[in-house]
N, C-alpha and C. Protein backbone atom coordinates (compact mmCIF):
# COMPACT_ATOMS: atom_id res chain seq x y z
N MET A 1 31.99 179.72 27.45
CA MET A 1 32.12 179.76 28.89
C MET A 1 30.73 180.00 29.47
N SER A 2 30.42 179.32 30.55
CA SER A 2 29.13 179.50 31.20
C SER A 2 29.34 179.61 32.71
N VAL A 3 28.28 180.03 33.40
CA VAL A 3 28.34 180.15 34.85
C VAL A 3 27.27 179.23 35.41
N ASP A 4 27.66 178.32 36.33
CA ASP A 4 26.67 177.41 36.91
C ASP A 4 25.91 178.08 38.03
N ASP A 5 25.00 177.33 38.68
CA ASP A 5 24.15 177.91 39.70
C ASP A 5 24.91 178.39 40.94
N ARG A 6 26.16 178.01 41.09
CA ARG A 6 26.97 178.49 42.21
C ARG A 6 27.85 179.65 41.79
N GLY A 7 27.74 180.06 40.52
CA GLY A 7 28.53 181.18 40.04
C GLY A 7 29.93 180.79 39.61
N ILE A 8 30.18 179.50 39.43
CA ILE A 8 31.51 179.05 39.03
C ILE A 8 31.57 179.02 37.51
N GLN A 9 32.59 179.66 36.96
CA GLN A 9 32.74 179.67 35.51
C GLN A 9 33.24 178.31 35.04
N GLU A 10 32.69 177.85 33.94
CA GLU A 10 33.11 176.60 33.35
C GLU A 10 33.39 176.81 31.87
N VAL A 11 34.37 176.08 31.38
CA VAL A 11 34.70 176.12 29.96
C VAL A 11 34.18 174.82 29.36
N GLN A 12 33.39 174.94 28.29
CA GLN A 12 32.83 173.76 27.65
C GLN A 12 33.40 173.60 26.26
N CYS A 13 33.64 172.35 25.88
CA CYS A 13 34.06 172.06 24.52
C CYS A 13 32.91 171.38 23.81
N LEU A 14 33.07 171.07 22.55
CA LEU A 14 32.00 170.47 21.76
C LEU A 14 31.55 169.13 22.31
N ASN A 15 32.40 168.43 23.04
CA ASN A 15 32.06 167.12 23.59
C ASN A 15 31.31 167.23 24.91
N GLU A 16 30.90 168.44 25.28
CA GLU A 16 30.15 168.67 26.51
C GLU A 16 30.96 168.42 27.78
N ILE A 17 32.27 168.40 27.67
CA ILE A 17 33.11 168.31 28.86
C ILE A 17 33.32 169.73 29.35
N SER A 18 33.00 169.97 30.61
CA SER A 18 33.21 171.32 31.14
C SER A 18 34.13 171.26 32.35
N LEU A 19 35.09 172.15 32.35
CA LEU A 19 36.05 172.25 33.44
C LEU A 19 35.97 173.64 34.04
N THR A 20 36.12 173.70 35.35
CA THR A 20 36.12 175.00 36.01
C THR A 20 37.45 175.70 35.75
N LYS A 21 37.46 176.98 36.03
CA LYS A 21 38.70 177.75 35.87
C LYS A 21 39.83 177.14 36.69
N ARG A 22 39.54 176.72 37.91
CA ARG A 22 40.56 176.14 38.78
C ARG A 22 41.06 174.81 38.24
N GLU A 23 40.16 174.00 37.70
CA GLU A 23 40.58 172.73 37.12
C GLU A 23 41.51 172.96 35.94
N ILE A 24 41.20 173.95 35.12
CA ILE A 24 42.05 174.29 33.99
C ILE A 24 43.40 174.80 34.47
N GLU A 25 43.40 175.65 35.50
CA GLU A 25 44.67 176.15 36.04
C GLU A 25 45.55 174.99 36.50
N CYS A 26 44.96 174.06 37.23
CA CYS A 26 45.73 172.91 37.71
C CYS A 26 46.28 172.10 36.55
N LEU A 27 45.46 171.85 35.54
CA LEU A 27 45.93 171.10 34.37
C LEU A 27 47.06 171.80 33.66
N GLU A 28 46.96 173.11 33.52
CA GLU A 28 48.02 173.87 32.85
C GLU A 28 49.34 173.77 33.62
N TRP A 29 49.27 173.83 34.95
CA TRP A 29 50.49 173.70 35.75
C TRP A 29 51.03 172.28 35.68
N ILE A 30 50.14 171.27 35.64
CA ILE A 30 50.59 169.89 35.48
C ILE A 30 51.33 169.75 34.15
N ALA A 31 50.77 170.37 33.11
CA ALA A 31 51.40 170.32 31.78
C ALA A 31 52.79 170.94 31.80
N ASN A 32 53.01 171.86 32.74
CA ASN A 32 54.32 172.50 32.88
C ASN A 32 55.22 171.78 33.88
N GLY A 33 54.82 170.56 34.26
CA GLY A 33 55.67 169.72 35.10
C GLY A 33 55.59 169.97 36.59
N LYS A 34 54.59 170.71 37.04
CA LYS A 34 54.49 171.02 38.47
C LYS A 34 53.79 169.90 39.24
N SER A 35 54.23 169.67 40.45
CA SER A 35 53.60 168.70 41.35
C SER A 35 52.40 169.35 42.03
N SER A 36 51.61 168.55 42.71
CA SER A 36 50.47 169.10 43.45
C SER A 36 50.94 170.11 44.50
N TRP A 37 52.05 169.81 45.15
CA TRP A 37 52.58 170.73 46.15
C TRP A 37 52.96 172.06 45.49
N ASP A 38 53.67 171.98 44.36
CA ASP A 38 54.07 173.19 43.64
C ASP A 38 52.84 174.02 43.24
N ILE A 39 51.84 173.34 42.68
CA ILE A 39 50.63 174.03 42.24
C ILE A 39 49.94 174.71 43.41
N GLY A 40 49.88 174.02 44.53
CA GLY A 40 49.29 174.61 45.73
C GLY A 40 50.00 175.88 46.15
N GLN A 41 51.31 175.85 46.11
CA GLN A 41 52.09 177.04 46.48
C GLN A 41 51.83 178.18 45.50
N ILE A 42 51.78 177.86 44.21
CA ILE A 42 51.56 178.89 43.19
C ILE A 42 50.17 179.50 43.31
N LEU A 43 49.15 178.66 43.52
CA LEU A 43 47.77 179.14 43.55
C LEU A 43 47.30 179.56 44.94
N GLY A 44 48.12 179.28 45.95
CA GLY A 44 47.75 179.67 47.32
C GLY A 44 46.66 178.79 47.90
N ILE A 45 46.67 177.50 47.53
CA ILE A 45 45.71 176.54 48.06
C ILE A 45 46.47 175.32 48.57
N SER A 46 45.79 174.47 49.32
CA SER A 46 46.47 173.30 49.88
C SER A 46 46.68 172.22 48.82
N THR A 47 47.61 171.33 49.10
CA THR A 47 47.86 170.19 48.23
C THR A 47 46.61 169.34 48.10
N ASP A 48 45.89 169.16 49.20
CA ASP A 48 44.64 168.39 49.15
C ASP A 48 43.62 169.03 48.21
N THR A 49 43.55 170.34 48.21
CA THR A 49 42.62 171.04 47.32
C THR A 49 43.04 170.86 45.86
N VAL A 50 44.33 170.94 45.60
CA VAL A 50 44.83 170.69 44.24
C VAL A 50 44.43 169.28 43.82
N ASN A 51 44.68 168.30 44.67
CA ASN A 51 44.36 166.92 44.34
C ASN A 51 42.86 166.72 44.12
N TYR A 52 42.03 167.45 44.87
CA TYR A 52 40.58 167.40 44.69
C TYR A 52 40.22 167.86 43.27
N HIS A 53 40.79 168.99 42.84
CA HIS A 53 40.50 169.50 41.50
C HIS A 53 41.03 168.55 40.42
N VAL A 54 42.19 167.98 40.65
CA VAL A 54 42.77 167.05 39.67
C VAL A 54 41.90 165.80 39.56
N LYS A 55 41.45 165.27 40.68
CA LYS A 55 40.60 164.07 40.65
C LYS A 55 39.29 164.35 39.92
N LYS A 56 38.70 165.52 40.15
CA LYS A 56 37.48 165.89 39.44
C LYS A 56 37.75 165.95 37.93
N THR A 57 38.89 166.50 37.57
CA THR A 57 39.26 166.62 36.16
C THR A 57 39.45 165.25 35.53
N LEU A 58 40.14 164.35 36.22
CA LEU A 58 40.34 163.00 35.71
C LEU A 58 39.01 162.32 35.45
N ARG A 59 38.08 162.49 36.37
CA ARG A 59 36.76 161.89 36.23
C ARG A 59 36.01 162.49 35.03
N LYS A 60 36.04 163.81 34.91
CA LYS A 60 35.35 164.47 33.81
C LYS A 60 35.92 164.08 32.45
N LEU A 61 37.24 163.91 32.38
CA LEU A 61 37.89 163.56 31.13
C LEU A 61 37.92 162.05 30.88
N ASP A 62 37.49 161.29 31.88
CA ASP A 62 37.44 159.83 31.79
C ASP A 62 38.83 159.24 31.50
N VAL A 63 39.80 159.67 32.31
CA VAL A 63 41.17 159.18 32.21
C VAL A 63 41.65 158.79 33.61
N SER A 64 42.79 158.10 33.66
CA SER A 64 43.26 157.62 34.96
C SER A 64 44.59 158.22 35.40
N SER A 65 45.19 159.07 34.57
CA SER A 65 46.46 159.67 34.99
C SER A 65 46.50 161.15 34.63
N ARG A 66 47.35 161.85 35.36
CA ARG A 66 47.52 163.29 35.12
C ARG A 66 48.05 163.56 33.72
N THR A 67 49.00 162.73 33.29
CA THR A 67 49.59 162.91 31.96
C THR A 67 48.54 162.73 30.86
N THR A 68 47.73 161.69 30.99
CA THR A 68 46.69 161.44 30.01
C THR A 68 45.65 162.57 30.03
N ALA A 69 45.37 163.10 31.20
CA ALA A 69 44.44 164.22 31.31
C ALA A 69 44.95 165.43 30.54
N VAL A 70 46.22 165.72 30.67
CA VAL A 70 46.82 166.85 29.95
C VAL A 70 46.75 166.62 28.45
N VAL A 71 47.11 165.43 28.01
CA VAL A 71 47.08 165.12 26.57
C VAL A 71 45.65 165.26 26.03
N LYS A 72 44.68 164.73 26.75
CA LYS A 72 43.29 164.80 26.29
C LYS A 72 42.78 166.23 26.30
N ALA A 73 43.11 166.99 27.34
CA ALA A 73 42.68 168.38 27.43
C ALA A 73 43.27 169.21 26.28
N ILE A 74 44.51 168.94 25.93
CA ILE A 74 45.13 169.65 24.80
C ILE A 74 44.41 169.27 23.50
N SER A 75 44.17 167.97 23.32
CA SER A 75 43.52 167.52 22.08
C SER A 75 42.10 168.05 21.94
N LEU A 76 41.43 168.30 23.07
CA LEU A 76 40.07 168.85 23.04
C LEU A 76 40.07 170.39 23.00
N GLY A 77 41.24 170.98 23.08
CA GLY A 77 41.33 172.43 23.05
C GLY A 77 40.97 173.12 24.35
N LEU A 78 41.00 172.36 25.46
CA LEU A 78 40.68 172.94 26.76
C LEU A 78 41.85 173.70 27.35
N ILE A 79 43.06 173.27 27.01
CA ILE A 79 44.28 173.97 27.43
C ILE A 79 45.24 173.99 26.25
N ARG A 80 46.27 174.81 26.36
CA ARG A 80 47.29 174.88 25.30
C ARG A 80 48.56 174.19 25.74
């Protein structure tokens, strides 16, 4: 785990993919079948903010769907 210049914690795997704590939280909730609206309610953030974090995660993982992002994150050991 490292802290970037803005003080945001990031988790890095051997492939140099780093996700913020919030991105990981969103992925974990997606893995549990939650929608963006549900995740927003759970985390106390807007649906747009959830979607922002999810889109960043998709880009970082180089995937095009939420399901594929979860599968890749699990295979890389970023989430359980």
